[in-house]
Amino acid sequence: MTTSKTSSFYLTETVKLDVGSASGSIAQGTMDIGGLVNIASSEALAVEQVDFIWQVGDAYNGGLDSVAATNYTALAQLTDSNPGTAFVRADDSNLIGSGGLNVDVPNNLSSADQDFFPDNFGKLSEAFFAVNDNLYLVANIVGNTAVTTTSLYCTVRIKARIAKLSKQDWMALAITSTANSD
């Protein structure tokens, strides 16, 4: 039986795609959660919700149309295994959340990407349980041109709590987190 050790709290990590980043450029950030995961007492980080927030410019107030001269797509993933500067497939057991943003610069439009991975997990029994020491945020931009006029920031905001698992559940999670799909 899984029990909650804390109330919900929030964790964040931000990566920056700099001016001059070429199409396909990838940025990675690492969030240390080692102090929140305890092997001896079978405690894990229960991720309840993941949100990706996109901000433009060093004052964080620019329009999405000011990032590039042509249409672009910005993608992000949060995993509990280090993918390096790569994205993982949707059936990878380490994928916690993912999302994207499509920007139509000439028409000044933006929309959520086709990715509707369940980034809102619901109650504790449905949470994603992370037992590794780090979470990894990867973001990129793909389009016909590079990031030309201003930087693009991607922040992941995670709603989580500490949960105590049975020894069997904790061990099953540890095994699953090391058994990536290819």
C-alpha atoms as a PDB file:
ATOM      1  CA  MET A   1       0.000   0.000   0.000  1.00  0.00           C
ATOM      2  CA  THR A   2       1.291   3.425  -0.948  1.00  0.00           C
ATOM      3  CA  THR A   3       0.972   6.191   1.622  1.00  0.00           C
ATOM      4  CA  SER A   4       1.702   9.875   1.330  1.00  0.00           C
ATOM      5  CA  LYS A   5       4.505  11.216   3.537  1.00  0.00           C
ATOM      6  CA  THR A   6       3.995  14.887   2.560  1.00  0.00           C
ATOM      7  CA  SER A   7       1.428  17.180   1.063  1.00  0.00           C
ATOM      8  CA  SER A   8       1.866  18.199  -2.555  1.00  0.00           C
ATOM      9  CA  PHE A   9       4.708  20.585  -3.388  1.00  0.00           C
ATOM     10  CA  TYR A  10       6.232  21.985  -6.587  1.00  0.00           C
ATOM     11  CA  LEU A  11       9.618  21.526  -8.234  1.00  0.00           C
ATOM     12  CA  THR A  12      10.874  23.422 -11.291  1.00  0.00           C
ATOM     13  CA  GLU A  13      13.732  23.277 -13.776  1.00  0.00           C
ATOM     14  CA  THR A  14      14.418  25.619 -16.717  1.00  0.00           C
ATOM     15  CA  VAL A  15      16.459  25.260 -19.890  1.00  0.00           C
ATOM     16  CA  LYS A  16      17.322  27.992 -22.387  1.00  0.00           C
ATOM     17  CA  LEU A  17      17.588  27.845 -26.164  1.00  0.00           C
ATOM     18  CA  ASP A  18      19.917  30.752 -26.905  1.00  0.00           C
ATOM     19  CA  VAL A  19      19.797  33.251 -29.736  1.00  0.00           C
ATOM     20  CA  GLY A  20      21.646  31.653 -32.635  1.00  0.00           C
ATOM     21  CA  SER A  21      20.620  28.098 -31.751  1.00  0.00           C
ATOM     22  CA  ALA A  22      20.245  26.144 -34.975  1.00  0.00           C
ATOM     23  CA  SER A  23      17.121  24.227 -35.879  1.00  0.00           C
ATOM     24  CA  GLY A  24      17.328  20.928 -34.022  1.00  0.00           C
ATOM     25  CA  SER A  25      19.286  22.395 -31.115  1.00  0.00           C
ATOM     26  CA  ILE A  26      18.616  20.645 -27.820  1.00  0.00           C
ATOM     27  CA  ALA A  27      19.038  21.934 -24.274  1.00  0.00           C
ATOM     28  CA  GLN A  28      19.101  19.697 -21.198  1.00  0.00           C
ATOM     29  CA  GLY A  29      18.616  20.433 -17.505  1.00  0.00           C
ATOM     30  CA  THR A  30      18.956  18.182 -14.486  1.00  0.00           C
ATOM     31  CA  MET A  31      16.849  18.280 -11.348  1.00  0.00           C
ATOM     32  CA  ASP A  32      18.457  16.652  -8.304  1.00  0.00           C
ATOM     33  CA  ILE A  33      15.813  14.737  -6.338  1.00  0.00           C
ATOM     34  CA  GLY A  34      18.249  12.454  -4.494  1.00  0.00           C
ATOM     35  CA  GLY A  35      17.366  14.086  -1.178  1.00  0.00           C
ATOM     36  CA  LEU A  36      13.690  13.275  -1.759  1.00  0.00           C
ATOM     37  CA  VAL A  37      14.119   9.582  -2.646  1.00  0.00           C
ATOM     38  CA  ASN A  38      15.123   7.215   0.163  1.00  0.00           C
ATOM     39  CA  ILE A  39      16.022   3.617  -0.632  1.00  0.00           C
ATOM     40  CA  ALA A  40      16.232   2.472   3.001  1.00  0.00           C
ATOM     41  CA  SER A  41      12.681   3.555   3.807  1.00  0.00           C
ATOM     42  CA  SER A  42      11.196   2.788   0.334  1.00  0.00           C
ATOM     43  CA  GLU A  43      10.296   6.415  -0.341  1.00  0.00           C
ATOM     44  CA  ALA A  44       9.800   7.710  -3.874  1.00  0.00           C
ATOM     45  CA  LEU A  45       8.856  10.990  -5.521  1.00  0.00           C
ATOM     46  CA  ALA A  46       5.222  10.689  -6.596  1.00  0.00           C
ATOM     47  CA  VAL A  47       4.762  12.973  -9.618  1.00  0.00           C
ATOM     48  CA  GLU A  48       1.134  14.090  -9.786  1.00  0.00           C
ATOM     49  CA  GLN A  49       1.259  16.674 -12.563  1.00  0.00           C
ATOM     50  CA  VAL A  50       3.730  18.047 -15.118  1.00  0.00           C
ATOM     51  CA  ASP A  51       3.383  21.394 -16.896  1.00  0.00           C
ATOM     52  CA  PHE A  52       5.672  22.856 -19.545  1.00  0.00           C
ATOM     53  CA  ILE A  53       5.854  26.646 -19.645  1.00  0.00           C
ATOM     54  CA  TRP A  54       7.389  28.494 -22.600  1.00  0.00           C
ATOM     55  CA  GLN A  55       8.728  32.033 -22.162  1.00  0.00           C
ATOM     56  CA  VAL A  56      10.416  34.321 -24.656  1.00  0.00           C
ATOM     57  CA  GLY A  57      13.285  36.738 -24.074  1.00  0.00           C
ATOM     58  CA  ASP A  58      15.435  37.507 -21.078  1.00  0.00           C
ATOM     59  CA  ALA A  59      12.580  39.539 -19.565  1.00  0.00           C
ATOM     60  CA  TYR A  60      10.275  36.505 -20.114  1.00  0.00           C
ATOM     61  CA  ASN A  61       7.629  38.649 -21.777  1.00  0.00           C
ATOM     62  CA  GLY A  62       8.175  38.346 -25.527  1.00  0.00           C
ATOM     63  CA  GLY A  63       5.791  36.964 -28.096  1.00  0.00           C
ATOM     64  CA  LEU A  64       6.334  33.501 -29.546  1.00  0.00           C
ATOM     65  CA  ASP A  65       6.509  35.059 -33.021  1.00  0.00           C
ATOM     66  CA  SER A  66       9.718  36.891 -32.049  1.00  0.00           C
ATOM     67  CA  VAL A  67      11.774  33.701 -31.580  1.00  0.00           C
ATOM     68  CA  ALA A  68      12.260  32.803 -35.262  1.00  0.00           C
ATOM     69  CA  ALA A  69      11.526  34.291 -38.671  1.00  0.00           C
ATOM     70  CA  THR A  70       9.536  31.268 -39.845  1.00  0.00           C
ATOM     71  CA  ASN A  71       7.278  28.596 -38.361  1.00  0.00           C
ATOM     72  CA  TYR A  72       8.792  26.353 -35.704  1.00  0.00           C
ATOM     73  CA  THR A  73       7.982  23.619 -33.230  1.00  0.00           C
ATOM     74  CA  ALA A  74       9.313  23.488 -29.686  1.00  0.00           C
ATOM     75  CA  LEU A  75       9.281  20.135 -27.894  1.00  0.00           C
ATOM     76  CA  ALA A  76      10.020  19.096 -24.302  1.00  0.00           C
ATOM     77  CA  GLN A  77      10.251  15.882 -22.303  1.00  0.00           C
ATOM     78  CA  LEU A  78      10.775  15.041 -18.648  1.00  0.00           C
ATOM     79  CA  THR A  79      12.348  11.670 -17.836  1.00  0.00           C
ATOM     80  CA  ASP A  80      13.794   9.932 -14.794  1.00  0.00           C
ATOM     81  CA  SER A  81      16.687   8.462 -16.788  1.00  0.00           C
ATOM     82  CA  ASN A  82      19.347  10.511 -18.559  1.00  0.00           C
ATOM     83  CA  PRO A  83      18.672  10.520 -22.310  1.00  0.00           C
ATOM     84  CA  GLY A  84      21.580  12.870 -22.953  1.00  0.00           C
ATOM     85  CA  THR A  85      20.510  15.388 -25.552  1.00  0.00           C
ATOM     86  CA  ALA A  86      17.943  13.090 -27.103  1.00  0.00           C
ATOM     87  CA  PHE A  87      14.235  12.445 -26.896  1.00  0.00           C
ATOM     88  CA  VAL A  88      12.790   9.100 -25.863  1.00  0.00           C
ATOM     89  CA  ARG A  89       9.976   7.214 -27.541  1.00  0.00           C
ATOM     90  CA  ALA A  90       6.539   7.312 -25.911  1.00  0.00           C
ATOM     91  CA  ASP A  91       6.748   3.682 -24.782  1.00  0.00           C
ATOM     92  CA  ASP A  92       9.920   4.301 -22.759  1.00  0.00           C
ATOM     93  CA  SER A  93       9.194   3.485 -19.103  1.00  0.00           C
ATOM     94  CA  ASN A  94      11.261   6.503 -17.999  1.00  0.00           C
ATOM     95  CA  LEU A  95       9.094   9.101 -19.763  1.00  0.00           C
ATOM     96  CA  ILE A  96       7.229  11.151 -17.150  1.00  0.00           C
ATOM     97  CA  GLY A  97       5.782  13.938 -19.261  1.00  0.00           C
ATOM     98  CA  SER A  98       6.100  15.497 -22.684  1.00  0.00           C
ATOM     99  CA  GLY A  99       4.631  18.329 -24.647  1.00  0.00           C
ATOM    100  CA  GLY A 100       5.105  20.633 -27.545  1.00  0.00           C
ATOM    101  CA  LEU A 101       4.217  23.925 -29.089  1.00  0.00           C
ATOM    102  CA  ASN A 102       3.644  24.738 -32.768  1.00  0.00           C
ATOM    103  CA  VAL A 103       4.143  28.356 -33.803  1.00  0.00           C
ATOM    104  CA  ASP A 104       2.853  29.807 -37.077  1.00  0.00           C
ATOM    105  CA  VAL A 105       4.876  33.014 -37.248  1.00  0.00           C
ATOM    106  CA  PRO A 106       3.295  34.701 -40.327  1.00  0.00           C
ATOM    107  CA  ASN A 107      -0.210  34.266 -38.895  1.00  0.00           C
ATOM    108  CA  ASN A 108       0.823  34.958 -35.279  1.00  0.00           C
ATOM    109  CA  LEU A 109      -0.723  31.665 -34.065  1.00  0.00           C
ATOM    110  CA  SER A 110       0.437  29.034 -31.620  1.00  0.00           C
ATOM    111  CA  SER A 111      -1.072  25.726 -30.580  1.00  0.00           C
ATOM    112  CA  ALA A 112      -0.374  22.721 -28.420  1.00  0.00           C
ATOM    113  CA  ASP A 113       1.434  19.938 -30.221  1.00  0.00           C
ATOM    114  CA  GLN A 114      -0.180  16.612 -31.099  1.00  0.00           C
ATOM    115  CA  ASP A 115       1.349  15.179 -27.926  1.00  0.00           C
ATOM    116  CA  PHE A 116      -1.356  14.609 -25.316  1.00  0.00           C
ATOM    117  CA  PHE A 117       0.609  12.307 -23.029  1.00  0.00           C
ATOM    118  CA  PRO A 118      -1.147  12.150 -19.630  1.00  0.00           C
ATOM    119  CA  ASP A 119       0.805  14.799 -17.757  1.00  0.00           C
ATOM    120  CA  ASN A 120      -1.889  15.042 -15.075  1.00  0.00           C
ATOM    121  CA  PHE A 121      -1.770  11.766 -13.205  1.00  0.00           C
ATOM    122  CA  GLY A 122      -4.542  12.293 -10.667  1.00  0.00           C
ATOM    123  CA  LYS A 123      -4.638  10.762  -7.215  1.00  0.00           C
ATOM    124  CA  LEU A 124      -1.654   9.201  -5.436  1.00  0.00           C
ATOM    125  CA  SER A 125      -2.324   5.661  -6.660  1.00  0.00           C
ATOM    126  CA  GLU A 126      -2.074   6.924 -10.272  1.00  0.00           C
ATOM    127  CA  ALA A 127       1.095   9.019  -9.828  1.00  0.00           C
ATOM    128  CA  PHE A 128       4.361   8.414 -11.661  1.00  0.00           C
ATOM    129  CA  PHE A 129       6.813   7.219  -8.997  1.00  0.00           C
ATOM    130  CA  ALA A 130      10.428   8.293  -9.509  1.00  0.00           C
ATOM    131  CA  VAL A 131      13.082   6.373  -7.588  1.00  0.00           C
ATOM    132  CA  ASN A 132      16.208   7.671  -9.351  1.00  0.00           C
ATOM    133  CA  ASP A 133      18.343  10.529  -8.025  1.00  0.00           C
ATOM    134  CA  ASN A 134      17.659  12.920 -10.910  1.00  0.00           C
ATOM    135  CA  LEU A 135      14.980  14.038 -13.323  1.00  0.00           C
ATOM    136  CA  TYR A 136      15.962  15.322 -16.769  1.00  0.00           C
ATOM    137  CA  LEU A 137      14.351  18.046 -18.850  1.00  0.00           C
ATOM    138  CA  VAL A 138      15.136  18.066 -22.569  1.00  0.00           C
ATOM    139  CA  ALA A 139      13.820  20.776 -24.920  1.00  0.00           C
ATOM    140  CA  ASN A 140      14.473  21.627 -28.539  1.00  0.00           C
ATOM    141  CA  ILE A 141      13.366  23.815 -31.377  1.00  0.00           C
ATOM    142  CA  VAL A 142      12.833  22.602 -34.937  1.00  0.00           C
ATOM    143  CA  GLY A 143      12.014  24.780 -37.909  1.00  0.00           C
ATOM    144  CA  ASN A 144      13.380  26.310 -41.061  1.00  0.00           C
ATOM    145  CA  THR A 145      15.492  28.838 -39.209  1.00  0.00           C
ATOM    146  CA  ALA A 146      17.426  29.114 -35.998  1.00  0.00           C
ATOM    147  CA  VAL A 147      16.424  30.999 -32.865  1.00  0.00           C
ATOM    148  CA  THR A 148      17.154  34.376 -34.373  1.00  0.00           C
ATOM    149  CA  THR A 149      16.113  37.342 -32.309  1.00  0.00           C
ATOM    150  CA  THR A 150      15.538  36.319 -28.710  1.00  0.00           C
ATOM    151  CA  SER A 151      16.004  33.324 -26.434  1.00  0.00           C
ATOM    152  CA  LEU A 152      13.339  30.717 -25.735  1.00  0.00           C
ATOM    153  CA  TYR A 153      13.005  29.275 -22.239  1.00  0.00           C
ATOM    154  CA  CYS A 154      11.259  26.046 -21.279  1.00  0.00           C
ATOM    155  CA  THR A 155      10.360  25.500 -17.634  1.00  0.00           C
ATOM    156  CA  VAL A 156       8.942  22.253 -16.306  1.00  0.00           C
ATOM    157  CA  ARG A 157       6.759  22.640 -13.225  1.00  0.00           C
ATOM    158  CA  ILE A 158       6.134  19.414 -11.343  1.00  0.00           C
ATOM    159  CA  LYS A 159       3.493  18.886  -8.683  1.00  0.00           C
ATOM    160  CA  ALA A 160       4.710  16.045  -6.474  1.00  0.00           C
ATOM    161  CA  ARG A 161       4.771  14.533  -3.011  1.00  0.00           C
ATOM    162  CA  ILE A 162       6.912  12.030  -1.147  1.00  0.00           C
ATOM    163  CA  ALA A 163       5.284   8.603  -0.937  1.00  0.00           C
ATOM    164  CA  LYS A 164       6.187   5.516   1.053  1.00  0.00           C
ATOM    165  CA  LEU A 165       5.901   2.307  -0.937  1.00  0.00           C
ATOM    166  CA  SER A 166       5.987  -1.314   0.106  1.00  0.00           C
ATOM    167  CA  LYS A 167       9.414  -2.927  -0.359  1.00  0.00           C
ATOM    168  CA  GLN A 168       8.023  -4.995  -3.261  1.00  0.00           C
ATOM    169  CA  ASP A 169       6.535  -1.935  -5.025  1.00  0.00           C
ATOM    170  CA  TRP A 170       9.735   0.074  -4.559  1.00  0.00           C
ATOM    171  CA  MET A 171      11.856  -2.765  -5.963  1.00  0.00           C
ATOM    172  CA  ALA A 172       9.495  -3.202  -8.920  1.00  0.00           C
ATOM    173  CA  LEU A 173       9.826   0.525  -9.690  1.00  0.00           C
ATOM    174  CA  ALA A 174      13.611   0.400  -9.425  1.00  0.00           C
ATOM    175  CA  ILE A 175      13.714  -2.527 -11.869  1.00  0.00           C
ATOM    176  CA  THR A 176      11.256  -0.854 -14.250  1.00  0.00           C
ATOM    177  CA  SER A 177      13.202   2.428 -14.271  1.00  0.00           C
ATOM    178  CA  THR A 178      16.309   0.605 -15.486  1.00  0.00           C
ATOM    179  CA  ALA A 179      14.474  -1.452 -18.127  1.00  0.00           C
ATOM    180  CA  ASN A 180      14.095   1.082 -20.933  1.00  0.00           C
ATOM    181  CA  SER A 181      12.171   0.297 -24.089  1.00  0.00           C
ATOM    182  CA  ASP A 182      14.031   0.698 -27.369  1.00  0.00           C
END
